[in-house]
Amino acid sequence: MKEDAMRQWFTMKADDKTAEIVIYDEIGKSWWGEDTVSAKQFLDDLTALGDVDAITLRINSPGGDVFDGVAIHNALKNHKATVTAQVDGIAASAASFIAMAADKIVMPSNSFLLIHGASGISLGNADDMRAMADDLDRIDKSLTATYVARAKSTTAKVKALMKEDRLMDAAEAKDWGFADEVTSEKRMAAKFSLRLLPRAAADRFRAETGDQPGDPPSPATEPEVPEEPPVAPPAPPATPPAPETPPAPAAATAKVITLDAAKQQGVDEHRQYVASVTDLCTLAQQPQRVGAYVRASTPIEQVRRELLELRAAEPQIMPQHPLVPPTAAPATAWAKITDKLNARLEK
C-alpha cells in the first residue's frame, strides 16, 4: 500500500535551524490491523530534517507500540538538537515515554500524562507464556529506569505509580518530576480513539476535556434574532366559531434524548461491541481477526458462527497420555464455551 494511503500519526517540518514534530495519534504499528506509517519512516524523516539546533515536539497521543516508542525515544535523546516537548492534550503510555527524551517538558494546566508498564498477547504453551512474561519484565525494567531518571522519587514509588494506570494532570506530573513547566490552559480536543487507554483513564480524560474522541469543535454561539414588533390582535368575529374538537391525546410521549447522551450511548455501544469481538476472538485463539471484524462491523452472531466453524475444523489438542477419553466432540465443547461467554457478555 502506498505511504500516503496509510494512517499518518506524525508530521515534521523544518525552518532554518528549528524544527517542529507533531505526534497526534496512535504511535507505530497498529494492534487493530490498520495500515500505518512505520516508526522507521519517523526516524528517516527525523534524519531528513538536517542540521537543526532546536526541536519542538508536540504530543497529543494515547500511546501505541512500545518498541516503536523506545526507538523514537532513543533517536530524540541522541539528537544533537535541544528538544522541548509540549503535551498539547495527553501523552499516555508510549507517548509519555517519548516525551521523557526531551530536554524540557511543558504541559498546559489542562493536559495529562499517563505512565504504565508494557502489555502484550501471547499464544502457545506454558513456556511461551513464561517467555512473554520475562520479556515484559525486561521491557518494564528499561521503562522504569527512564521514568525514575526523570522523576523526583524512588524506583519503588515509580513502579507503584506505573501499576496504578493513573491519569496525572499537569500539576501532579510536575510534582513527580515528569514535567518542568506548567503553562496556561490550552483548548485541545482528542482527535483519536481512546481504545488504548485503560478504562478509568479514558473515562477521566473524556470527563475532563468535555469532548468525545473525534468530536468537531463546538459551534460558535448563534446571533440572537431581533424580536418583531407586536401585532395588534384581530377583531373578534360577529359570530364566534364553533369550538374545534380537541385532537386525541398521543398514545405515549416520545422519549427525548440529548445529543451528548446519544453520543455517549454510541461510544458505549461501540466499546461493548469491540470488547465482545475481542473476547470471542481471544477465546478462539484468533486474535488477529479482531481488526477485520471491527472494521467491517461484523454482527456478533456472525463472528461467533465463523469462529465456531474455524474451531470445529481444527484437530482437538489432547495430552500425550489422556487419563480419560474426551466426552464431547470439539465443536460441541467449543459451543458450550461460547454459550458461557455469551451469557457473561449479555449480563
Protein backbone atom coordinates (compact mmCIF):
# COMPACT_ATOMS: atom_id res chain seq x y z
CA MET A 1 0.00 0.00 0.00
CA LYS A 2 1.22 3.47 -0.78
CA GLU A 3 2.58 5.51 2.12
CA ASP A 4 0.05 8.32 1.64
CA ALA A 5 -2.83 5.82 1.95
CA MET A 6 -1.66 4.74 5.39
CA ARG A 7 -2.63 6.27 8.71
CA GLN A 8 -0.20 9.12 9.34
CA TRP A 9 0.39 9.64 13.07
CA PHE A 10 3.14 12.28 12.89
CA THR A 11 4.25 15.27 10.84
CA MET A 12 7.57 17.13 10.69
CA LYS A 13 8.71 20.44 9.28
CA ALA A 14 11.94 22.41 9.49
CA ASP A 15 12.62 26.12 9.18
CA ASP A 16 16.30 27.07 9.05
CA LYS A 17 17.79 25.77 12.33
CA THR A 18 14.49 24.88 14.07
CA ALA A 19 12.02 22.04 13.53
CA GLU A 20 8.59 21.00 14.76
CA ILE A 21 7.45 17.40 15.19
CA VAL A 22 3.77 16.71 15.86
CA ILE A 23 2.57 13.32 17.17
CA TYR A 24 -1.22 13.37 17.24
CA ASP A 25 -2.37 9.74 17.02
CA GLU A 26 -1.59 6.14 17.99
CA ILE A 27 2.13 5.51 17.57
CA GLY A 28 3.66 2.97 15.21
CA LYS A 29 2.28 -0.46 14.38
CA SER A 30 -1.46 -0.90 14.92
CA TRP A 31 -2.91 -3.58 17.19
CA TRP A 32 -6.11 -3.42 15.12
CA GLY A 33 -4.78 -4.48 11.72
CA GLU A 34 -4.69 -0.96 10.25
CA ASP A 35 -2.05 0.12 7.76
CA THR A 36 0.10 2.73 9.47
CA VAL A 37 3.22 4.70 8.70
CA SER A 38 6.17 2.91 10.33
CA ALA A 39 8.45 4.10 13.12
CA LYS A 40 11.31 3.63 10.64
CA GLN A 41 9.69 6.33 8.50
CA PHE A 42 9.68 8.59 11.57
CA LEU A 43 13.41 8.01 12.05
CA ASP A 44 14.11 8.58 8.34
CA ASP A 45 12.17 11.86 8.41
CA LEU A 46 13.98 12.92 11.59
CA THR A 47 17.30 12.44 9.82
CA ALA A 48 15.98 14.33 6.80
CA LEU A 49 15.34 17.42 8.96
CA GLY A 50 19.04 18.10 8.60
CA ASP A 51 21.25 20.21 10.83
CA VAL A 52 18.74 21.75 13.27
CA ASP A 53 19.56 23.17 16.69
CA ALA A 54 16.12 23.14 18.29
CA ILE A 55 13.15 20.74 18.01
CA THR A 56 9.66 21.40 19.37
CA LEU A 57 7.92 18.07 19.97
CA ARG A 58 4.12 18.46 20.27
CA ILE A 59 2.25 15.44 21.62
CA ASN A 60 -1.44 14.54 21.83
CA SER A 61 -1.41 10.75 21.74
CA PRO A 62 -2.84 7.77 23.67
CA GLY A 63 0.36 5.76 23.07
CA GLY A 64 0.99 2.78 20.82
CA ASP A 65 3.66 0.17 20.10
CA VAL A 66 6.23 0.04 22.91
CA PHE A 67 9.18 -0.91 20.71
CA ASP A 68 8.42 1.90 18.26
CA GLY A 69 8.17 4.24 21.24
CA VAL A 70 11.57 3.11 22.56
CA ALA A 71 13.19 3.58 19.13
CA ILE A 72 11.77 7.11 18.80
CA HIS A 73 12.77 7.98 22.37
CA ASN A 74 16.36 6.89 21.75
CA ALA A 75 16.58 8.77 18.44
CA LEU A 76 15.39 12.02 20.04
CA LYS A 77 17.55 11.51 23.12
CA ASN A 78 20.66 11.09 20.97
CA HIS A 79 19.84 14.00 18.63
CA LYS A 80 22.18 16.98 18.93
CA ALA A 81 19.30 19.47 18.92
CA THR A 82 17.69 20.78 22.09
CA VAL A 83 14.28 19.08 22.31
CA THR A 84 11.32 20.75 24.03
CA ALA A 85 8.23 18.54 24.42
CA GLN A 86 4.83 20.16 24.73
CA VAL A 87 1.89 17.98 25.77
CA ASP A 88 -0.99 19.56 23.87
CA GLY A 89 -3.63 17.18 25.25
CA ILE A 90 -2.40 13.86 26.56
CA ALA A 91 0.83 11.87 26.48
CA ALA A 92 -0.02 8.34 27.55
CA SER A 93 1.88 5.07 27.57
CA ALA A 94 4.45 5.03 24.71
CA ALA A 95 3.78 8.73 24.05
CA SER A 96 4.79 9.60 27.62
CA PHE A 97 7.99 7.57 27.19
CA ILE A 98 8.83 9.55 24.04
CA ALA A 99 8.25 12.80 25.96
CA MET A 100 10.87 11.73 28.51
CA ALA A 101 13.55 12.10 25.79
CA ALA A 102 13.07 15.89 25.76
CA ASP A 103 15.43 18.31 27.47
CA LYS A 104 12.38 20.20 28.72
CA ILE A 105 8.74 19.08 29.10
CA VAL A 106 5.99 21.72 29.09
CA MET A 107 2.37 20.89 29.98
CA PRO A 108 -0.62 23.26 29.79
CA SER A 109 -2.62 23.13 33.02
CA ASN A 110 -5.40 21.07 31.39
CA SER A 111 -3.15 18.43 29.79
CA PHE A 112 -2.49 14.90 31.05
CA LEU A 113 0.24 12.29 31.40
CA LEU A 114 -0.07 8.54 31.96
CA ILE A 115 2.80 6.13 32.57
CA HIS A 116 2.46 2.36 32.90
CA GLY A 117 4.17 -0.91 32.11
CA ALA A 118 4.18 -2.78 28.82
CA SER A 119 1.49 -5.30 27.88
CA GLY A 120 1.28 -7.99 25.22
CA ILE A 121 -0.57 -11.00 23.87
CA SER A 122 0.94 -14.47 23.57
CA LEU A 123 -0.41 -17.76 22.22
CA GLY A 124 1.24 -21.07 22.89
CA ASN A 125 2.23 -23.38 25.70
CA ALA A 126 3.40 -22.60 29.22
CA ASP A 127 6.97 -21.97 28.05
CA ASP A 128 5.71 -19.40 25.52
CA MET A 129 3.71 -17.64 28.24
CA ARG A 130 6.68 -17.57 30.62
CA ALA A 131 8.88 -16.19 27.85
CA MET A 132 6.35 -13.41 27.21
CA ALA A 133 6.25 -12.58 30.93
CA ASP A 134 10.06 -12.46 31.06
CA ASP A 135 10.13 -10.16 28.02
CA LEU A 136 7.59 -7.83 29.61
CA ASP A 137 9.63 -7.73 32.82
CA ARG A 138 12.75 -6.74 30.86
CA ILE A 139 10.84 -4.02 28.97
CA ASP A 140 9.32 -2.69 32.19
CA LYS A 141 12.77 -2.56 33.80
CA SER A 142 14.01 -0.34 30.97
CA LEU A 143 10.90 1.87 31.02
CA THR A 144 11.04 2.24 34.79
CA ALA A 145 14.70 3.29 34.72
CA THR A 146 13.87 6.06 32.23
CA TYR A 147 10.92 7.37 34.28
CA VAL A 148 12.95 7.22 37.52
CA ALA A 149 15.79 9.20 35.91
CA ARG A 150 13.27 11.98 35.31
CA ALA A 151 11.23 11.69 38.49
CA LYS A 152 11.82 13.22 41.89
CA SER A 153 11.13 9.90 43.56
CA THR A 154 12.34 6.36 44.21
CA THR A 155 12.20 3.33 41.95
CA ALA A 156 9.67 1.64 44.24
CA LYS A 157 7.29 4.61 44.17
CA VAL A 158 7.54 4.99 40.38
CA LYS A 159 6.83 1.26 39.94
CA ALA A 160 3.75 1.61 42.13
CA LEU A 161 2.58 4.61 40.10
CA MET A 162 3.01 2.66 36.85
CA LYS A 163 0.82 -0.15 38.19
CA GLU A 164 -1.98 2.30 39.03
CA ASP A 165 -2.64 3.40 35.41
CA ARG A 166 -3.33 6.80 36.97
CA LEU A 167 -4.03 9.75 34.69
CA MET A 168 -1.95 12.65 36.05
CA ASP A 169 -2.83 16.26 35.39
CA ALA A 170 -0.08 18.79 34.67
CA ALA A 171 0.39 19.88 38.27
CA GLU A 172 0.73 16.30 39.51
CA ALA A 173 3.11 15.42 36.67
CA LYS A 174 5.30 18.37 37.64
CA ASP A 175 5.23 17.33 41.30
CA TRP A 176 6.52 13.91 40.26
CA GLY A 177 9.22 15.49 38.09
CA PHE A 178 7.74 14.36 34.77
CA ALA A 179 7.14 17.97 33.66
CA ASP A 180 9.35 21.03 34.02
CA GLU A 181 6.80 23.79 33.42
CA VAL A 182 3.02 24.19 33.65
CA THR A 183 1.54 26.85 31.38
CA SER A 184 -1.94 28.33 30.98
CA GLU A 185 -4.81 26.19 29.81
CA LYS A 186 -4.96 25.24 26.14
CA ARG A 187 -8.08 24.01 24.37
CA MET A 188 -7.34 20.72 22.62
CA ALA A 189 -9.87 18.07 21.62
CA ALA A 190 -8.80 14.44 21.21
CA LYS A 191 -8.78 13.58 17.51
CA PHE A 192 -8.04 9.89 18.05
CA SER A 193 -9.62 6.82 19.59
CA LEU A 194 -9.13 6.29 23.32
CA ARG A 195 -9.13 2.49 22.85
CA LEU A 196 -5.51 2.16 24.04
CA LEU A 197 -6.15 3.88 27.37
CA PRO A 198 -7.18 1.97 30.50
CA ARG A 199 -10.94 2.34 31.05
CA ALA A 200 -10.67 4.56 34.13
CA ALA A 201 -8.11 6.84 32.47
CA ALA A 202 -10.20 7.14 29.30
CA ASP A 203 -13.32 8.00 31.31
CA ARG A 204 -11.48 10.70 33.28
CA PHE A 205 -9.88 12.17 30.16
CA ARG A 206 -13.28 12.32 28.47
CA ALA A 207 -14.88 13.91 31.53
CA GLU A 208 -12.09 16.48 31.96
CA THR A 209 -11.90 17.55 28.32
CA GLY A 210 -15.65 17.53 27.66
CA ASP A 211 -15.07 16.15 24.15
CA GLN A 212 -15.67 12.77 22.64
CA PRO A 213 -12.74 11.43 20.57
CA GLY A 214 -13.01 12.93 17.12
CA ASP A 215 -15.73 15.41 18.00
CA PRO A 216 -15.67 18.61 15.93
CA PRO A 217 -15.17 21.84 17.87
CA SER A 218 -18.26 23.30 19.49
CA PRO A 219 -20.10 25.66 17.12
CA ALA A 220 -19.99 29.38 17.75
CA THR A 221 -22.95 30.91 19.53
CA GLU A 222 -25.67 31.82 17.04
CA PRO A 223 -26.54 35.53 16.84
CA GLU A 224 -29.76 36.50 18.50
CA VAL A 225 -32.69 37.13 16.17
CA PRO A 226 -34.24 40.57 16.82
CA GLU A 227 -37.77 40.42 18.09
CA GLU A 228 -40.50 41.60 15.71
CA PRO A 229 -42.76 44.43 16.94
CA PRO A 230 -46.01 43.18 18.48
CA VAL A 231 -49.00 42.97 16.16
CA ALA A 232 -52.44 44.05 17.37
CA PRO A 233 -54.83 41.08 17.71
CA PRO A 234 -57.59 40.86 15.04
CA ALA A 235 -61.07 42.00 15.94
CA PRO A 236 -63.34 39.15 17.11
CA PRO A 237 -65.88 37.90 14.52
CA ALA A 238 -69.55 38.74 14.89
CA THR A 239 -70.46 35.09 15.39
CA PRO A 240 -67.94 33.07 17.37
CA PRO A 241 -66.90 29.91 15.54
CA ALA A 242 -67.88 26.55 16.90
CA PRO A 243 -65.20 25.08 19.13
CA GLU A 244 -62.95 22.61 17.38
CA THR A 245 -62.82 19.04 18.56
CA PRO A 246 -59.59 18.67 20.53
CA PRO A 247 -57.18 16.19 18.99
CA ALA A 248 -56.95 12.79 20.59
CA PRO A 249 -54.06 12.55 23.06
CA ALA A 250 -50.97 10.80 21.82
CA ALA A 251 -50.66 7.19 22.92
CA ALA A 252 -47.32 7.90 24.53
CA THR A 253 -44.97 10.84 24.82
CA ALA A 254 -41.80 10.38 22.77
CA LYS A 255 -38.66 9.99 24.86
CA VAL A 256 -36.28 12.88 24.34
CA ILE A 257 -32.54 12.17 24.44
CA THR A 258 -29.87 14.86 24.35
CA LEU A 259 -27.16 14.96 21.68
CA ASP A 260 -24.44 14.36 24.28
CA ALA A 261 -26.31 11.37 25.68
CA ALA A 262 -26.76 9.96 22.18
CA LYS A 263 -23.03 10.35 21.52
CA GLN A 264 -22.12 8.65 24.78
CA GLN A 265 -24.58 5.85 24.09
CA GLY A 266 -22.95 5.29 20.70
CA VAL A 267 -19.47 5.27 22.25
CA ASP A 268 -20.56 2.82 24.96
CA GLU A 269 -22.24 0.51 22.44
CA HIS A 270 -19.13 0.51 20.20
CA ARG A 271 -16.86 -0.16 23.18
CA GLN A 272 -19.08 -3.09 24.24
CA TYR A 273 -19.07 -4.41 20.65
CA VAL A 274 -15.24 -4.24 20.42
CA ALA A 275 -14.90 -5.91 23.83
CA SER A 276 -17.26 -8.72 22.77
CA VAL A 277 -15.41 -9.32 19.48
CA THR A 278 -12.05 -9.26 21.29
CA ASP A 279 -13.24 -11.75 23.92
CA LEU A 280 -14.62 -14.15 21.31
CA CYS A 281 -11.50 -13.97 19.11
CA THR A 282 -9.18 -14.38 22.10
CA LEU A 283 -11.10 -17.38 23.37
CA ALA A 284 -10.99 -18.86 19.86
CA GLN A 285 -7.23 -18.20 19.69
CA GLN A 286 -7.84 -15.99 16.66
CA PRO A 287 -6.80 -12.51 17.95
CA GLN A 288 -5.56 -11.49 14.50
CA ARG A 289 -9.20 -11.40 13.31
CA VAL A 290 -10.31 -8.64 15.73
CA GLY A 291 -9.28 -5.76 13.47
CA ALA A 292 -11.03 -7.13 10.37
CA TYR A 293 -14.25 -7.85 12.25
CA VAL A 294 -14.33 -4.40 13.90
CA ARG A 295 -13.56 -2.51 10.67
CA ALA A 296 -16.33 -4.40 8.87
CA SER A 297 -18.76 -4.02 11.82
CA THR A 298 -19.44 -7.74 11.54
CA PRO A 299 -22.50 -8.72 13.63
CA ILE A 300 -21.65 -10.60 16.83
CA GLU A 301 -23.71 -13.60 15.74
CA GLN A 302 -21.71 -13.88 12.51
CA VAL A 303 -18.42 -13.52 14.41
CA ARG A 304 -19.49 -16.27 16.81
CA ARG A 305 -20.58 -18.55 13.96
CA GLU A 306 -17.38 -18.10 11.94
CA LEU A 307 -15.14 -18.66 14.95
CA LEU A 308 -17.12 -21.75 15.91
CA GLU A 309 -16.68 -23.16 12.41
CA LEU A 310 -12.95 -22.44 12.46
CA ARG A 311 -12.53 -24.01 15.88
CA ALA A 312 -14.57 -27.09 14.97
CA ALA A 313 -12.38 -27.65 11.89
CA GLU A 314 -9.19 -27.75 13.95
CA PRO A 315 -7.89 -31.04 15.35
CA GLN A 316 -8.57 -31.42 19.06
CA ILE A 317 -5.45 -30.87 21.18
CA MET A 318 -5.04 -33.69 23.68
CA PRO A 319 -2.30 -34.53 26.18
CA GLN A 320 0.13 -37.28 25.23
CA HIS A 321 -1.42 -39.71 27.67
CA PRO A 322 -5.04 -38.73 28.32
CA LEU A 323 -6.41 -40.21 31.50
CA VAL A 324 -9.94 -40.44 30.13
CA PRO A 325 -11.29 -40.23 26.58
CA PRO A 326 -12.89 -36.94 25.54
CA THR A 327 -16.59 -36.79 26.34
CA ALA A 328 -17.53 -34.25 23.66
CA ALA A 329 -16.60 -33.53 20.07
CA PRO A 330 -14.54 -30.34 19.54
CA ALA A 331 -17.46 -28.45 18.04
CA THR A 332 -19.75 -29.40 20.93
CA ALA A 333 -17.16 -28.47 23.56
CA TRP A 334 -16.47 -25.14 21.86
CA ALA A 335 -20.18 -24.40 21.60
CA LYS A 336 -20.51 -24.84 25.37
CA ILE A 337 -17.62 -22.45 25.94
CA THR A 338 -19.11 -19.77 23.67
CA ASP A 339 -22.51 -20.18 25.35
CA LYS A 340 -20.90 -19.46 28.73
CA LEU A 341 -19.08 -16.43 27.30
CA ASN A 342 -22.23 -15.09 25.65
CA ALA A 343 -24.15 -15.45 28.92
CA ARG A 344 -21.46 -13.38 30.67
CA LEU A 345 -21.46 -10.69 27.97
CA GLU A 346 -25.27 -10.37 28.00
CA LYS A 347 -25.47 -9.68 31.75
